[in-house]
Amino acid sequence: MRPFFTVHAGEYLVGSEIERQFKQVNVWVPSRDTGIDLLMSNRKNRRTVSVQVKFSKDFLPHMKPELQKSLRACGWWTINRDKLQTSPADYWVFVLLGFERHTTDFVIIRPSEFWKRHQASLGAGKIIQSYLWVTKDDRCWEARGLPVTDQQRIADGRFRDSSRDLTRWLNAWAVFKKLST
């Protein structure tokens, strides 16, 4: 076993939130990098769920003021397409830490679903760029490559595009509920 490492901020936030919501769930940190950042198990350690955590600083302070009014947090990730497609994790958790409004949001999604939902909007190439925006009215959107008019529609609550809508996975902690039984 190599020397132990520390968890990054996103892993800490995810682990803490799981422990807060699910008192009967154990949270484990692997001793080496296998593409899984956290492993959760039920109290008897018979059922497990693995998680890859993706953390981003909040880009909201760098955005236009007319967008800032209605958005809670905006994250940006660069994802290796091959790692996404071959991920051993059951879920990927994207952490959006909203500094200005002191919020923390999580997009909890299976890697295969993230891939499916992003194929059309993220284009070809080895590296995927993803911009996830969370609105004050609890919506989550993939905003990468959108024209300014559509960005404003997201902020105004008028944007509609099911392929870019990730609201279903926003703070979707229920996927871990089966571990607390």
Protein backbone atom coordinates (compact mmCIF):
# COMPACT_ATOMS: atom_id res chain seq x y z
CA MET A 1 0.00 0.00 0.00
CA ARG A 2 1.36 3.41 -0.96
CA PRO A 3 1.35 6.37 1.40
CA PHE A 4 -2.17 7.60 2.11
CA PHE A 5 -3.36 10.71 0.33
CA THR A 6 -5.87 13.35 1.29
CA VAL A 7 -9.31 13.73 -0.25
CA HIS A 8 -10.03 16.82 -2.35
CA ALA A 9 -12.74 19.34 -1.47
CA GLY A 10 -15.37 17.73 -3.71
CA GLU A 11 -14.83 14.29 -2.23
CA TYR A 12 -15.11 15.74 1.27
CA LEU A 13 -18.35 17.56 0.41
CA VAL A 14 -19.92 14.44 -1.14
CA GLY A 15 -18.84 12.18 1.73
CA SER A 16 -20.09 14.66 4.34
CA GLU A 17 -23.45 15.04 2.61
CA ILE A 18 -23.92 11.27 2.37
CA GLU A 19 -23.10 10.86 6.06
CA ARG A 20 -25.49 13.70 6.94
CA GLN A 21 -28.40 12.29 4.94
CA PHE A 22 -27.86 8.59 5.47
CA LYS A 23 -26.79 7.72 9.02
CA GLN A 24 -26.66 3.98 8.22
CA VAL A 25 -24.24 4.33 5.30
CA ASN A 26 -20.47 3.85 5.57
CA VAL A 27 -18.25 6.00 3.36
CA TRP A 28 -14.86 4.59 2.32
CA VAL A 29 -11.87 6.16 0.57
CA PRO A 30 -9.85 3.78 -1.66
CA SER A 31 -6.12 3.51 -0.96
CA ARG A 32 -5.20 3.98 -4.64
CA ASP A 33 -6.64 5.63 -7.73
CA THR A 34 -8.88 3.18 -9.56
CA GLY A 35 -11.37 5.64 -11.02
CA ILE A 36 -13.48 5.44 -7.89
CA ASP A 37 -13.15 8.23 -5.33
CA LEU A 38 -15.62 7.05 -2.69
CA LEU A 39 -17.25 3.74 -1.92
CA MET A 40 -20.44 3.64 0.08
CA SER A 41 -21.78 0.55 1.79
CA ASN A 42 -24.73 -0.34 3.95
CA ARG A 43 -24.10 -0.79 7.68
CA LYS A 44 -23.38 -4.53 7.23
CA ASN A 45 -21.10 -3.81 4.24
CA ARG A 46 -23.10 -6.18 2.01
CA ARG A 47 -24.28 -3.66 -0.60
CA THR A 48 -22.04 -1.04 -2.16
CA VAL A 49 -22.18 1.92 -4.53
CA SER A 50 -19.07 3.49 -6.04
CA VAL A 51 -18.68 7.16 -6.91
CA GLN A 52 -16.34 9.28 -9.01
CA VAL A 53 -16.38 12.90 -7.78
CA LYS A 54 -15.86 15.89 -10.08
CA PHE A 55 -15.38 19.30 -8.46
CA SER A 56 -15.31 22.73 -10.03
CA LYS A 57 -14.82 26.20 -8.73
CA ASP A 58 -17.78 28.51 -9.20
CA PHE A 59 -17.57 30.53 -12.42
CA LEU A 60 -20.70 32.56 -11.63
CA PRO A 61 -18.72 35.60 -10.35
CA HIS A 62 -17.09 35.84 -13.82
CA MET A 63 -20.38 35.92 -15.71
CA LYS A 64 -22.47 38.82 -16.95
CA PRO A 65 -24.55 40.51 -14.21
CA GLU A 66 -27.82 39.77 -16.01
CA LEU A 67 -27.05 36.04 -15.75
CA GLN A 68 -25.82 36.19 -12.16
CA LYS A 69 -29.19 37.29 -10.79
CA SER A 70 -30.91 33.99 -11.57
CA LEU A 71 -28.09 31.47 -11.32
CA ARG A 72 -26.87 29.75 -8.16
CA ALA A 73 -23.64 28.17 -9.43
CA CYS A 74 -21.81 27.49 -12.69
CA GLY A 75 -19.17 24.79 -13.00
CA TRP A 76 -16.79 23.83 -15.77
CA TRP A 77 -15.24 20.41 -16.26
CA THR A 78 -12.87 18.92 -18.80
CA ILE A 79 -13.53 15.21 -19.03
CA ASN A 80 -11.53 12.57 -20.83
CA ARG A 81 -14.01 10.87 -23.16
CA ASP A 82 -12.37 7.44 -22.77
CA LYS A 83 -12.43 7.65 -18.96
CA LEU A 84 -16.10 8.56 -19.04
CA GLN A 85 -16.98 5.68 -21.35
CA THR A 86 -14.98 3.11 -19.36
CA SER A 87 -15.61 4.43 -15.85
CA PRO A 88 -15.89 1.68 -13.23
CA ALA A 89 -17.92 3.98 -10.95
CA ASP A 90 -21.65 3.43 -10.49
CA TYR A 91 -22.22 7.20 -10.33
CA TRP A 92 -20.39 10.40 -11.10
CA VAL A 93 -21.11 13.28 -8.76
CA PHE A 94 -20.45 16.79 -10.07
CA VAL A 95 -20.07 19.24 -7.20
CA LEU A 96 -21.10 22.86 -7.76
CA LEU A 97 -20.02 25.04 -4.87
CA GLY A 98 -21.73 28.41 -5.17
CA PHE A 99 -19.43 30.86 -3.40
CA GLU A 100 -21.51 34.02 -3.67
CA ARG A 101 -24.71 32.44 -2.38
CA HIS A 102 -23.03 29.86 -0.11
CA THR A 103 -24.75 26.90 -1.77
CA THR A 104 -23.63 23.41 -2.63
CA ASP A 105 -25.35 21.43 -5.36
CA PHE A 106 -24.61 17.97 -6.67
CA VAL A 107 -25.42 16.39 -10.02
CA ILE A 108 -25.58 12.64 -9.32
CA ILE A 109 -25.67 10.66 -12.53
CA ARG A 110 -24.52 7.34 -13.97
CA PRO A 111 -21.55 7.83 -16.33
CA SER A 112 -23.43 6.10 -19.16
CA GLU A 113 -26.34 8.53 -18.76
CA PHE A 114 -24.02 11.53 -18.66
CA TRP A 115 -22.39 10.25 -21.84
CA LYS A 116 -25.74 9.68 -23.54
CA ARG A 117 -27.07 13.12 -22.62
CA HIS A 118 -23.91 14.89 -23.69
CA GLN A 119 -23.02 13.17 -26.96
CA ALA A 120 -24.95 15.61 -29.11
CA SER A 121 -24.02 18.82 -27.31
CA LEU A 122 -20.35 18.15 -26.57
CA GLY A 123 -19.08 17.25 -30.02
CA ALA A 124 -16.25 14.95 -31.00
CA GLY A 125 -12.73 14.88 -29.62
CA LYS A 126 -10.85 13.22 -26.79
CA ILE A 127 -11.68 15.92 -24.23
CA ILE A 128 -15.25 16.87 -23.35
CA GLN A 129 -15.92 20.36 -22.03
CA SER A 130 -19.00 20.54 -19.82
CA TYR A 131 -20.59 23.66 -18.29
CA LEU A 132 -23.25 22.84 -15.72
CA TRP A 133 -25.42 25.71 -14.55
CA VAL A 134 -27.77 25.55 -11.57
CA THR A 135 -30.54 28.13 -11.36
CA LYS A 136 -32.15 29.62 -8.26
CA ASP A 137 -35.34 27.74 -9.14
CA ASP A 138 -33.57 24.35 -8.85
CA ARG A 139 -32.96 23.61 -12.52
CA CYS A 140 -29.71 22.25 -13.96
CA TRP A 141 -28.57 22.72 -17.55
CA GLU A 142 -25.63 21.78 -19.75
CA ALA A 143 -24.77 25.24 -21.09
CA ARG A 144 -21.65 24.49 -23.12
CA GLY A 145 -21.81 26.00 -26.60
CA LEU A 146 -25.14 27.75 -26.14
CA PRO A 147 -25.62 31.12 -27.82
CA VAL A 148 -26.07 34.15 -25.56
CA THR A 149 -29.83 34.20 -26.21
CA ASP A 150 -30.20 30.64 -24.86
CA GLN A 151 -27.95 31.43 -21.89
CA GLN A 152 -30.31 34.28 -21.04
CA ARG A 153 -33.29 31.93 -21.43
CA ILE A 154 -31.72 29.62 -18.85
CA ALA A 155 -31.38 32.54 -16.46
CA ASP A 156 -34.96 33.66 -17.17
CA GLY A 157 -36.42 30.17 -16.76
CA ARG A 158 -37.58 30.01 -20.38
CA PHE A 159 -35.02 27.59 -21.84
CA ARG A 160 -36.30 24.21 -23.05
CA ASP A 161 -34.09 21.44 -24.42
CA SER A 162 -34.53 17.98 -22.94
CA SER A 163 -31.08 16.83 -24.12
CA ARG A 164 -29.47 19.57 -21.99
CA ASP A 165 -31.78 19.32 -18.98
CA LEU A 166 -30.04 17.63 -16.03
CA THR A 167 -32.55 18.71 -13.41
CA ARG A 168 -33.60 15.11 -12.78
CA TRP A 169 -30.10 14.41 -11.41
CA LEU A 170 -29.73 17.62 -9.41
CA ASN A 171 -29.33 16.74 -5.73
CA ALA A 172 -30.77 13.30 -6.51
CA TRP A 173 -29.58 11.65 -3.31
CA ALA A 174 -32.36 9.06 -3.40
CA VAL A 175 -30.09 6.78 -5.47
CA PHE A 176 -28.17 6.03 -2.26
CA LYS A 177 -31.27 5.36 -0.15
CA LYS A 178 -31.11 1.63 -0.84
CA LEU A 179 -27.89 1.52 1.19
CA SER A 180 -29.57 2.79 4.35
CA THR A 181 -31.92 -0.21 4.62
